[in-house]
Amino acid sequence: MHCSALPFSWAVSDYVLAAAAFLIPIGRLSDIIGWKKVFILGRGTFAAASFLCALACSMMVLIVVRCIEGMGAAAMFGAGIAILSSFLPIQEKGKVLGFL
C-alpha cells in the first residue's frame, strides 16, 4: 500500500494557517467581548481539539480537528498578548513581548 505525504503535510500546515488566519478576527472579538472570556474559550477549544486529535479515525478528521486547534491557539495567543500588555508598564512592554 502506497501512502502519500500530502495529507500529513496538511495535518501540520492547517494548524498554522488557521492560527494565522484567525488571529486578527479573534483579537477583534476579544476587544468586543473581553480578553478573559476569549482566552478561556480558546484554551478550552485547544484542549478539546487536542484530545480529539488523539481520537481521530481518519486523516480528514485529523486535518479538520487540527484546524480547530489552530483557532483555539489563535484565541489564546491573541488574548494572552492583550492581557499581558494591558498590565505591563510602558517601559517593560518591548522587553517582555520581545522575550515571548
PDB file of N, CA and C in Angstrom:
ATOM      1  N   MET A   1       0.842  -1.177   0.000  1.00  0.00           N
ATOM      2  CA  MET A   1       0.000   0.000   0.000  1.00  0.00           C
ATOM      3  C   MET A   1       0.891   1.246   0.000  1.00  0.00           C
ATOM      4  N   HIS A   2       0.594   2.163  -0.886  1.00  0.00           N
ATOM      5  CA  HIS A   2       1.368   3.385  -1.033  1.00  0.00           C
ATOM      6  C   HIS A   2       0.671   4.507  -0.266  1.00  0.00           C
ATOM      7  N   CYS A   3       1.422   5.208   0.559  1.00  0.00           N
ATOM      8  CA  CYS A   3       0.851   6.299   1.360  1.00  0.00           C
ATOM      9  C   CYS A   3       1.507   7.616   0.950  1.00  0.00           C
ATOM     10  N   SER A   4       0.697   8.592   0.604  1.00  0.00           N
ATOM     11  CA  SER A   4       1.207   9.888   0.173  1.00  0.00           C
ATOM     12  C   SER A   4       1.532  10.769   1.383  1.00  0.00           C
ATOM     13  N   ALA A   5       2.499  11.633   1.210  1.00  0.00           N
ATOM     14  CA  ALA A   5       2.885  12.550   2.287  1.00  0.00           C
ATOM     15  C   ALA A   5       2.006  13.795   2.319  1.00  0.00           C
ATOM     16  N   LEU A   6       1.198  14.011   1.305  1.00  0.00           N
ATOM     17  CA  LEU A   6       0.375  15.209   1.219  1.00  0.00           C
ATOM     18  C   LEU A   6      -0.600  15.365   2.393  1.00  0.00           C
ATOM     19  N   PRO A   7      -1.365  14.329   2.770  1.00  0.00           N
ATOM     20  CA  PRO A   7      -2.262  14.513   3.925  1.00  0.00           C
ATOM     21  C   PRO A   7      -1.522  14.827   5.221  1.00  0.00           C
ATOM     22  N   PHE A   8      -0.341  14.255   5.377  1.00  0.00           N
ATOM     23  CA  PHE A   8       0.441  14.527   6.575  1.00  0.00           C
ATOM     24  C   PHE A   8       0.925  15.978   6.604  1.00  0.00           C
ATOM     25  N   SER A   9       1.274  16.511   5.454  1.00  0.00           N
ATOM     26  CA  SER A   9       1.701  17.911   5.416  1.00  0.00           C
ATOM     27  C   SER A   9       0.528  18.837   5.713  1.00  0.00           C
ATOM     28  N   TRP A  10      -0.672  18.460   5.279  1.00  0.00           N
ATOM     29  CA  TRP A  10      -1.843  19.268   5.608  1.00  0.00           C
ATOM     30  C   TRP A  10      -2.155  19.225   7.098  1.00  0.00           C
ATOM     31  N   ALA A  11      -1.935  18.102   7.733  1.00  0.00           N
ATOM     32  CA  ALA A  11      -2.188  17.999   9.175  1.00  0.00           C
ATOM     33  C   ALA A  11      -1.294  18.952   9.957  1.00  0.00           C
ATOM     34  N   VAL A  12      -0.115  19.222   9.442  1.00  0.00           N
ATOM     35  CA  VAL A  12       0.794  20.172  10.088  1.00  0.00           C
ATOM     36  C   VAL A  12       0.471  21.603   9.667  1.00  0.00           C
ATOM     37  N   SER A  13       0.289  21.815   8.372  1.00  0.00           N
ATOM     38  CA  SER A  13       0.148  23.167   7.830  1.00  0.00           C
ATOM     39  C   SER A  13      -1.172  23.833   8.185  1.00  0.00           C
ATOM     40  N   ASP A  14      -2.265  23.068   8.268  1.00  0.00           N
ATOM     41  CA  ASP A  14      -3.548  23.726   8.508  1.00  0.00           C
ATOM     42  C   ASP A  14      -3.641  24.312   9.912  1.00  0.00           C
ATOM     43  N   TYR A  15      -2.905  23.767  10.857  1.00  0.00           N
ATOM     44  CA  TYR A  15      -2.848  24.348  12.198  1.00  0.00           C
ATOM     45  C   TYR A  15      -2.279  25.767  12.134  1.00  0.00           C
ATOM     46  N   VAL A  16      -1.156  25.910  11.437  1.00  0.00           N
ATOM     47  CA  VAL A  16      -0.500  27.212  11.318  1.00  0.00           C
ATOM     48  C   VAL A  16      -1.353  28.170  10.493  1.00  0.00           C
ATOM     49  N   LEU A  17      -1.941  27.679   9.420  1.00  0.00           N
ATOM     50  CA  LEU A  17      -2.793  28.521   8.579  1.00  0.00           C
ATOM     51  C   LEU A  17      -4.008  29.028   9.350  1.00  0.00           C
ATOM     52  N   ALA A  18      -4.648  28.160  10.111  1.00  0.00           N
ATOM     53  CA  ALA A  18      -5.817  28.570  10.889  1.00  0.00           C
ATOM     54  C   ALA A  18      -5.423  29.565  11.973  1.00  0.00           C
ATOM     55  N   ALA A  19      -4.316  29.312  12.640  1.00  0.00           N
ATOM     56  CA  ALA A  19      -3.861  30.236  13.684  1.00  0.00           C
ATOM     57  C   ALA A  19      -3.577  31.614  13.103  1.00  0.00           C
ATOM     58  N   ALA A  20      -2.940  31.653  11.952  1.00  0.00           N
ATOM     59  CA  ALA A  20      -2.624  32.942  11.331  1.00  0.00           C
ATOM     60  C   ALA A  20      -3.871  33.632  10.794  1.00  0.00           C
ATOM     61  N   ALA A  21      -4.778  32.866  10.195  1.00  0.00           N
ATOM     62  CA  ALA A  21      -5.971  33.456   9.584  1.00  0.00           C
ATOM     63  C   ALA A  21      -6.942  34.000  10.624  1.00  0.00           C
ATOM     64  N   PHE A  22      -7.017  33.355  11.777  1.00  0.00           N
ATOM     65  CA  PHE A  22      -7.994  33.751  12.779  1.00  0.00           C
ATOM     66  C   PHE A  22      -7.437  34.661  13.867  1.00  0.00           C
ATOM     67  N   LEU A  23      -6.158  34.969  13.829  1.00  0.00           N
ATOM     68  CA  LEU A  23      -5.563  35.786  14.889  1.00  0.00           C
ATOM     69  C   LEU A  23      -6.179  37.187  14.952  1.00  0.00           C
ATOM     70  N   ILE A  24      -6.305  37.859  13.840  1.00  0.00           N
ATOM     71  CA  ILE A  24      -6.859  39.225  13.845  1.00  0.00           C
ATOM     72  C   ILE A  24      -8.362  39.234  14.126  1.00  0.00           C
ATOM     73  N   PRO A  25      -9.177  38.390  13.461  1.00  0.00           N
ATOM     74  CA  PRO A  25     -10.614  38.408  13.800  1.00  0.00           C
ATOM     75  C   PRO A  25     -10.897  38.037  15.255  1.00  0.00           C
ATOM     76  N   ILE A  26     -10.172  37.063  15.779  1.00  0.00           N
ATOM     77  CA  ILE A  26     -10.388  36.683  17.177  1.00  0.00           C
ATOM     78  C   ILE A  26      -9.863  37.770  18.108  1.00  0.00           C
ATOM     79  N   GLY A  27      -8.800  38.450  17.718  1.00  0.00           N
ATOM     80  CA  GLY A  27      -8.319  39.584  18.508  1.00  0.00           C
ATOM     81  C   GLY A  27      -9.359  40.683  18.586  1.00  0.00           C
ATOM     82  N   ARG A  28     -10.016  40.950  17.487  1.00  0.00           N
ATOM     83  CA  ARG A  28     -11.092  41.951  17.484  1.00  0.00           C
ATOM     84  C   ARG A  28     -12.260  41.487  18.349  1.00  0.00           C
ATOM     85  N   LEU A  29     -12.599  40.210  18.252  1.00  0.00           N
ATOM     86  CA  LEU A  29     -13.669  39.661  19.086  1.00  0.00           C
ATOM     87  C   LEU A  29     -13.327  39.786  20.564  1.00  0.00           C
ATOM     88  N   SER A  30     -12.063  39.592  20.906  1.00  0.00           N
ATOM     89  CA  SER A  30     -11.663  39.718  22.312  1.00  0.00           C
ATOM     90  C   SER A  30     -11.763  41.158  22.791  1.00  0.00           C
ATOM     91  N   ASP A  31     -11.561  42.124  21.895  1.00  0.00           N
ATOM     92  CA  ASP A  31     -11.761  43.523  22.268  1.00  0.00           C
ATOM     93  C   ASP A  31     -13.236  43.812  22.536  1.00  0.00           C
ATOM     94  N   ILE A  32     -14.113  43.127  21.842  1.00  0.00           N
ATOM     95  CA  ILE A  32     -15.552  43.364  21.982  1.00  0.00           C
ATOM     96  C   ILE A  32     -16.127  42.657  23.204  1.00  0.00           C
ATOM     97  N   ILE A  33     -15.840  41.356  23.356  1.00  0.00           N
ATOM     98  CA  ILE A  33     -16.491  40.602  24.443  1.00  0.00           C
ATOM     99  C   ILE A  33     -15.619  40.404  25.672  1.00  0.00           C
ATOM    100  N   GLY A  34     -14.355  40.721  25.563  1.00  0.00           N
ATOM    101  CA  GLY A  34     -13.473  40.614  26.723  1.00  0.00           C
ATOM    102  C   GLY A  34     -12.346  39.627  26.498  1.00  0.00           C
ATOM    103  N   TRP A  35     -11.147  40.015  26.923  1.00  0.00           N
ATOM    104  CA  TRP A  35      -9.964  39.193  26.721  1.00  0.00           C
ATOM    105  C   TRP A  35     -10.024  37.903  27.513  1.00  0.00           C
ATOM    106  N   LYS A  36     -10.509  37.984  28.740  1.00  0.00           N
ATOM    107  CA  LYS A  36     -10.524  36.796  29.592  1.00  0.00           C
ATOM    108  C   LYS A  36     -11.455  35.727  29.030  1.00  0.00           C
ATOM    109  N   LYS A  37     -12.629  36.138  28.567  1.00  0.00           N
ATOM    110  CA  LYS A  37     -13.576  35.180  28.000  1.00  0.00           C
ATOM    111  C   LYS A  37     -13.000  34.487  26.775  1.00  0.00           C
ATOM    112  N   VAL A  38     -12.374  35.269  25.908  1.00  0.00           N
ATOM    113  CA  VAL A  38     -11.809  34.699  24.686  1.00  0.00           C
ATOM    114  C   VAL A  38     -10.625  33.794  25.017  1.00  0.00           C
ATOM    115  N   PHE A  39      -9.808  34.185  25.982  1.00  0.00           N
ATOM    116  CA  PHE A  39      -8.674  33.342  26.371  1.00  0.00           C
ATOM    117  C   PHE A  39      -9.158  32.005  26.921  1.00  0.00           C
ATOM    118  N   ILE A  40     -10.152  32.037  27.790  1.00  0.00           N
ATOM    119  CA  ILE A  40     -10.684  30.793  28.371  1.00  0.00           C
ATOM    120  C   ILE A  40     -11.352  29.933  27.303  1.00  0.00           C
ATOM    121  N   LEU A  41     -12.096  30.569  26.408  1.00  0.00           N
ATOM    122  CA  LEU A  41     -12.724  29.831  25.313  1.00  0.00           C
ATOM    123  C   LEU A  41     -11.666  29.218  24.390  1.00  0.00           C
ATOM    124  N   GLY A  42     -10.617  29.956  24.110  1.00  0.00           N
ATOM    125  CA  GLY A  42      -9.530  29.433  23.278  1.00  0.00           C
ATOM    126  C   GLY A  42      -8.806  28.277  23.937  1.00  0.00           C
ATOM    127  N   ARG A  43      -8.605  28.396  25.239  1.00  0.00           N
ATOM    128  CA  ARG A  43      -7.940  27.312  25.971  1.00  0.00           C
ATOM    129  C   ARG A  43      -8.782  26.049  25.959  1.00  0.00           C
ATOM    130  N   GLY A  44     -10.092  26.205  26.149  1.00  0.00           N
ATOM    131  CA  GLY A  44     -10.991  25.050  26.101  1.00  0.00           C
ATOM    132  C   GLY A  44     -11.060  24.437  24.713  1.00  0.00           C
ATOM    133  N   THR A  45     -11.118  25.287  23.694  1.00  0.00           N
ATOM    134  CA  THR A  45     -11.146  24.810  22.312  1.00  0.00           C
ATOM    135  C   THR A  45      -9.864  24.059  21.974  1.00  0.00           C
ATOM    136  N   PHE A  46      -8.740  24.627  22.369  1.00  0.00           N
ATOM    137  CA  PHE A  46      -7.455  23.986  22.095  1.00  0.00           C
ATOM    138  C   PHE A  46      -7.357  22.634  22.809  1.00  0.00           C
ATOM    139  N   ALA A  47      -7.761  22.584  24.067  1.00  0.00           N
ATOM    140  CA  ALA A  47      -7.679  21.336  24.830  1.00  0.00           C
ATOM    141  C   ALA A  47      -8.604  20.269  24.250  1.00  0.00           C
ATOM    142  N   ALA A  48      -9.835  20.656  23.914  1.00  0.00           N
ATOM    143  CA  ALA A  48     -10.783  19.689  23.347  1.00  0.00           C
ATOM    144  C   ALA A  48     -10.299  19.190  21.994  1.00  0.00           C
ATOM    145  N   ALA A  49      -9.782  20.098  21.167  1.00  0.00           N
ATOM    146  CA  ALA A  49      -9.290  19.690  19.851  1.00  0.00           C
ATOM    147  C   ALA A  49      -8.057  18.797  19.979  1.00  0.00           C
ATOM    148  N   SER A  50      -7.204  19.067  20.947  1.00  0.00           N
ATOM    149  CA  SER A  50      -6.033  18.216  21.161  1.00  0.00           C
ATOM    150  C   SER A  50      -6.453  16.803  21.549  1.00  0.00           C
ATOM    151  N   PHE A  51      -7.463  16.707  22.383  1.00  0.00           N
ATOM    152  CA  PHE A  51      -7.991  15.394  22.769  1.00  0.00           C
ATOM    153  C   PHE A  51      -8.601  14.686  21.561  1.00  0.00           C
ATOM    154  N   LEU A  52      -9.346  15.432  20.742  1.00  0.00           N
ATOM    155  CA  LEU A  52      -9.963  14.833  19.562  1.00  0.00           C
ATOM    156  C   LEU A  52      -8.941  14.419  18.512  1.00  0.00           C
ATOM    157  N   CYS A  53      -7.792  15.088  18.484  1.00  0.00           N
ATOM    158  CA  CYS A  53      -6.728  14.664  17.575  1.00  0.00           C
ATOM    159  C   CYS A  53      -6.275  13.239  17.894  1.00  0.00           C
ATOM    160  N   ALA A  54      -6.218  12.929  19.172  1.00  0.00           N
ATOM    161  CA  ALA A  54      -5.811  11.585  19.579  1.00  0.00           C
ATOM    162  C   ALA A  54      -6.845  10.539  19.184  1.00  0.00           C
ATOM    163  N   LEU A  55      -8.097  10.955  19.063  1.00  0.00           N
ATOM    164  CA  LEU A  55      -9.168  10.025  18.722  1.00  0.00           C
ATOM    165  C   LEU A  55      -9.528  10.026  17.243  1.00  0.00           C
ATOM    166  N   ALA A  56      -8.818  10.789  16.432  1.00  0.00           N
ATOM    167  CA  ALA A  56      -9.148  10.911  15.009  1.00  0.00           C
ATOM    168  C   ALA A  56      -9.079   9.542  14.332  1.00  0.00           C
ATOM    169  N   CYS A  57     -10.157   9.215  13.617  1.00  0.00           N
ATOM    170  CA  CYS A  57     -10.240   7.899  12.976  1.00  0.00           C
ATOM    171  C   CYS A  57      -9.778   7.923  11.525  1.00  0.00           C
ATOM    172  N   SER A  58      -9.583   9.107  10.967  1.00  0.00           N
ATOM    173  CA  SER A  58      -9.096   9.213   9.591  1.00  0.00           C
ATOM    174  C   SER A  58      -8.237  10.467   9.461  1.00  0.00           C
ATOM    175  N   MET A  59      -7.533  10.543   8.372  1.00  0.00           N
ATOM    176  CA  MET A  59      -6.672  11.700   8.145  1.00  0.00           C
ATOM    177  C   MET A  59      -7.508  12.959   7.931  1.00  0.00           C
ATOM    178  N   MET A  60      -8.662  12.853   7.288  1.00  0.00           N
ATOM    179  CA  MET A  60      -9.520  14.015   7.062  1.00  0.00           C
ATOM    180  C   MET A  60     -10.026  14.581   8.389  1.00  0.00           C
ATOM    181  N   VAL A  61     -10.415  13.705   9.310  1.00  0.00           N
ATOM    182  CA  VAL A  61     -10.859  14.157  10.637  1.00  0.00           C
ATOM    183  C   VAL A  61      -9.714  14.845  11.358  1.00  0.00           C
ATOM    184  N   LEU A  62      -8.521  14.294  11.262  1.00  0.00           N
ATOM    185  CA  LEU A  62      -7.356  14.898  11.902  1.00  0.00           C
ATOM    186  C   LEU A  62      -7.079  16.291  11.334  1.00  0.00           C
ATOM    187  N   ILE A  63      -7.198  16.451  10.035  1.00  0.00           N
ATOM    188  CA  ILE A  63      -6.949  17.749   9.407  1.00  0.00           C
ATOM    189  C   ILE A  63      -7.964  18.782   9.886  1.00  0.00           C
ATOM    190  N   VAL A  64      -9.231  18.412   9.956  1.00  0.00           N
ATOM    191  CA  VAL A  64     -10.279  19.338  10.411  1.00  0.00           C
ATOM    192  C   VAL A  64     -10.069  19.712  11.873  1.00  0.00           C
ATOM    193  N   VAL A  65      -9.757  18.726  12.696  1.00  0.00           N
ATOM    194  CA  VAL A  65      -9.579  18.989  14.130  1.00  0.00           C
ATOM    195  C   VAL A  65      -8.327  19.823  14.377  1.00  0.00           C
ATOM    196  N   ARG A  66      -7.279  19.614  13.583  1.00  0.00           N
ATOM    197  CA  ARG A  66      -6.082  20.453  13.717  1.00  0.00           C
ATOM    198  C   ARG A  66      -6.376  21.898  13.345  1.00  0.00           C
ATOM    199  N   CYS A  67      -7.274  22.108  12.397  1.00  0.00           N
ATOM    200  CA  CYS A  67      -7.689  23.459  12.036  1.00  0.00           C
ATOM    201  C   CYS A  67      -8.411  24.115  13.219  1.00  0.00           C
ATOM    202  N   ILE A  68      -9.278  23.377  13.870  1.00  0.00           N
ATOM    203  CA  ILE A  68      -9.981  23.888  15.051  1.00  0.00           C
ATOM    204  C   ILE A  68      -8.984  24.159  16.176  1.00  0.00           C
ATOM    205  N   GLU A  69      -7.991  23.307  16.298  1.00  0.00           N
ATOM    206  CA  GLU A  69      -6.945  23.509  17.298  1.00  0.00           C
ATOM    207  C   GLU A  69      -6.176  24.806  17.021  1.00  0.00           C
ATOM    208  N   GLY A  70      -5.934  25.116  15.764  1.00  0.00           N
ATOM    209  CA  GLY A  70      -5.276  26.361  15.388  1.00  0.00           C
ATOM    210  C   GLY A  70      -6.112  27.575  15.741  1.00  0.00           C
ATOM    211  N   MET A  71      -7.437  27.448  15.610  1.00  0.00           N
ATOM    212  CA  MET A  71      -8.318  28.555  16.005  1.00  0.00           C
ATOM    213  C   MET A  71      -8.233  28.787  17.509  1.00  0.00           C
ATOM    214  N   GLY A  72      -8.193  27.723  18.290  1.00  0.00           N
ATOM    215  CA  GLY A  72      -8.037  27.862  19.735  1.00  0.00           C
ATOM    216  C   GLY A  72      -6.708  28.483  20.102  1.00  0.00           C
ATOM    217  N   ALA A  73      -5.656  28.102  19.383  1.00  0.00           N
ATOM    218  CA  ALA A  73      -4.336  28.690  19.633  1.00  0.00           C
ATOM    219  C   ALA A  73      -4.329  30.171  19.311  1.00  0.00           C
ATOM    220  N   ALA A  74      -5.007  30.565  18.240  1.00  0.00           N
ATOM    221  CA  ALA A  74      -5.091  31.982  17.884  1.00  0.00           C
ATOM    222  C   ALA A  74      -5.798  32.771  18.978  1.00  0.00           C
ATOM    223  N   ALA A  75      -6.848  32.192  19.546  1.00  0.00           N
ATOM    224  CA  ALA A  75      -7.571  32.869  20.623  1.00  0.00           C
ATOM    225  C   ALA A  75      -6.691  33.009  21.861  1.00  0.00           C
ATOM    226  N   MET A  76      -5.974  31.956  22.206  1.00  0.00           N
ATOM    227  CA  MET A  76      -5.104  32.031  23.379  1.00  0.00           C
ATOM    228  C   MET A  76      -3.970  33.019  23.172  1.00  0.00           C
ATOM    229  N   PHE A  77      -3.353  32.983  22.005  1.00  0.00           N
ATOM    230  CA  PHE A  77      -2.215  33.864  21.756  1.00  0.00           C
ATOM    231  C   PHE A  77      -2.650  35.322  21.679  1.00  0.00           C
ATOM    232  N   GLY A  78      -3.689  35.598  20.903  1.00  0.00           N
ATOM    233  CA  GLY A  78      -4.138  36.982  20.745  1.00  0.00           C
ATOM    234  C   GLY A  78      -4.614  37.599  22.044  1.00  0.00           C
ATOM    235  N   ALA A  79      -5.467  36.883  22.762  1.00  0.00           N
ATOM    236  CA  ALA A  79      -5.978  37.404  24.027  1.00  0.00           C
ATOM    237  C   ALA A  79      -4.890  37.410  25.097  1.00  0.00           C
ATOM    238  N   GLY A  80      -4.005  36.434  25.068  1.00  0.00           N
ATOM    239  CA  GLY A  80      -2.926  36.380  26.056  1.00  0.00           C
ATOM    240  C   GLY A  80      -1.974  37.553  25.940  1.00  0.00           C
ATOM    241  N   ILE A  81      -1.624  37.916  24.713  1.00  0.00           N
ATOM    242  CA  ILE A  81      -0.755  39.075  24.499  1.00  0.00           C
ATOM    243  C   ILE A  81      -1.470  40.354  24.927  1.00  0.00           C
ATOM    244  N   ALA A  82      -2.764  40.450  24.630  1.00  0.00           N
ATOM    245  CA  ALA A  82      -3.528  41.640  25.029  1.00  0.00           C
ATOM    246  C   ALA A  82      -3.611  41.750  26.553  1.00  0.00           C
ATOM    247  N   ILE A  83      -3.854  40.646  27.220  1.00  0.00           N
ATOM    248  CA  ILE A  83      -3.912  40.651  28.688  1.00  0.00           C
ATOM    249  C   ILE A  83      -2.560  41.040  29.266  1.00  0.00           C
ATOM    250  N   LEU A  84      -1.519  40.438  28.737  1.00  0.00           N
ATOM    251  CA  LEU A  84      -0.175  40.716  29.237  1.00  0.00           C
ATOM    252  C   LEU A  84       0.209  42.175  29.037  1.00  0.00           C
ATOM    253  N   SER A  85      -0.025  42.712  27.859  1.00  0.00           N
ATOM    254  CA  SER A  85       0.393  44.092  27.607  1.00  0.00           C
ATOM    255  C   SER A  85      -0.493  45.112  28.301  1.00  0.00           C
ATOM    256  N   SER A  86      -1.681  44.737  28.726  1.00  0.00           N
ATOM    257  CA  SER A  86      -2.518  45.690  29.453  1.00  0.00           C
ATOM    258  C   SER A  86      -2.028  45.908  30.883  1.00  0.00           C
ATOM    259  N   PHE A  87      -1.273  44.954  31.407  1.00  0.00           N
ATOM    260  CA  PHE A  87      -0.791  45.069  32.783  1.00  0.00           C
ATOM    261  C   PHE A  87       0.673  45.479  32.893  1.00  0.00           C
ATOM    262  N   LEU A  88       1.362  45.557  31.776  1.00  0.00           N
ATOM    263  CA  LEU A  88       2.785  45.909  31.815  1.00  0.00           C
ATOM    264  C   LEU A  88       2.968  47.425  31.779  1.00  0.00           C
ATOM    265  N   PRO A  89       3.959  47.932  32.494  1.00  0.00           N
ATOM    266  CA  PRO A  89       4.296  49.350  32.336  1.00  0.00           C
ATOM    267  C   PRO A  89       4.890  49.576  30.949  1.00  0.00           C
ATOM    268  N   ILE A  90       4.727  50.760  30.439  1.00  0.00           N
ATOM    269  CA  ILE A  90       5.136  51.086  29.072  1.00  0.00           C
ATOM    270  C   ILE A  90       6.624  50.824  28.842  1.00  0.00           C
ATOM    271  N   GLN A  91       7.446  51.007  29.874  1.00  0.00           N
ATOM    272  CA  GLN A  91       8.887  50.802  29.729  1.00  0.00           C
ATOM    273  C   GLN A  91       9.246  49.321  29.576  1.00  0.00           C
ATOM    274  N   GLU A  92       8.393  48.430  30.067  1.00  0.00           N
ATOM    275  CA  GLU A  92       8.692  46.995  30.071  1.00  0.00           C
ATOM    276  C   GLU A  92       8.045  46.236  28.921  1.00  0.00           C
ATOM    277  N   LYS A  93       7.104  46.842  28.201  1.00  0.00           N
ATOM    278  CA  LYS A  93       6.356  46.118  27.167  1.00  0.00           C
ATOM    279  C   LYS A  93       7.241  45.524  26.092  1.00  0.00           C
ATOM    280  N   GLY A  94       8.138  46.310  25.543  1.00  0.00           N
ATOM    281  CA  GLY A  94       9.002  45.826  24.467  1.00  0.00           C
ATOM    282  C   GLY A  94       9.879  44.661  24.908  1.00  0.00           C
ATOM    283  N   LYS A  95      10.423  44.769  26.111  1.00  0.00           N
ATOM    284  CA  LYS A  95      11.310  43.723  26.616  1.00  0.00           C
ATOM    285  C   LYS A  95      10.536  42.434  26.850  1.00  0.00           C
ATOM    286  N   VAL A  96       9.382  42.517  27.481  1.00  0.00           N
ATOM    287  CA  VAL A  96       8.601  41.322  27.797  1.00  0.00           C
ATOM    288  C   VAL A  96       8.022  40.691  26.533  1.00  0.00           C
ATOM    289  N   LEU A  97       7.444  41.495  25.654  1.00  0.00           N
ATOM    290  CA  LEU A  97       6.858  40.955  24.431  1.00  0.00           C
ATOM    291  C   LEU A  97       7.935  40.434  23.484  1.00  0.00           C
ATOM    292  N   GLY A  98       9.109  41.027  23.502  1.00  0.00           N
ATOM    293  CA  GLY A  98      10.217  40.520  22.703  1.00  0.00           C
ATOM    294  C   GLY A  98      10.741  39.182  23.219  1.00  0.00           C
ATOM    295  N   PHE A  99      10.625  38.976  24.499  1.00  0.00           N
ATOM    296  CA  PHE A  99      11.051  37.725  25.103  1.00  0.00           C
ATOM    297  C   PHE A  99      10.134  36.571  24.708  1.00  0.00           C
ATOM    298  N   LEU A 100       8.834  36.881  24.511  1.00  0.00           N
ATOM    299  CA  LEU A 100       7.889  35.838  24.137  1.00  0.00           C
ATOM    300  C   LEU A 100       8.186  35.373  22.749  1.00  0.00           C
TER     301      LEU A 100
END
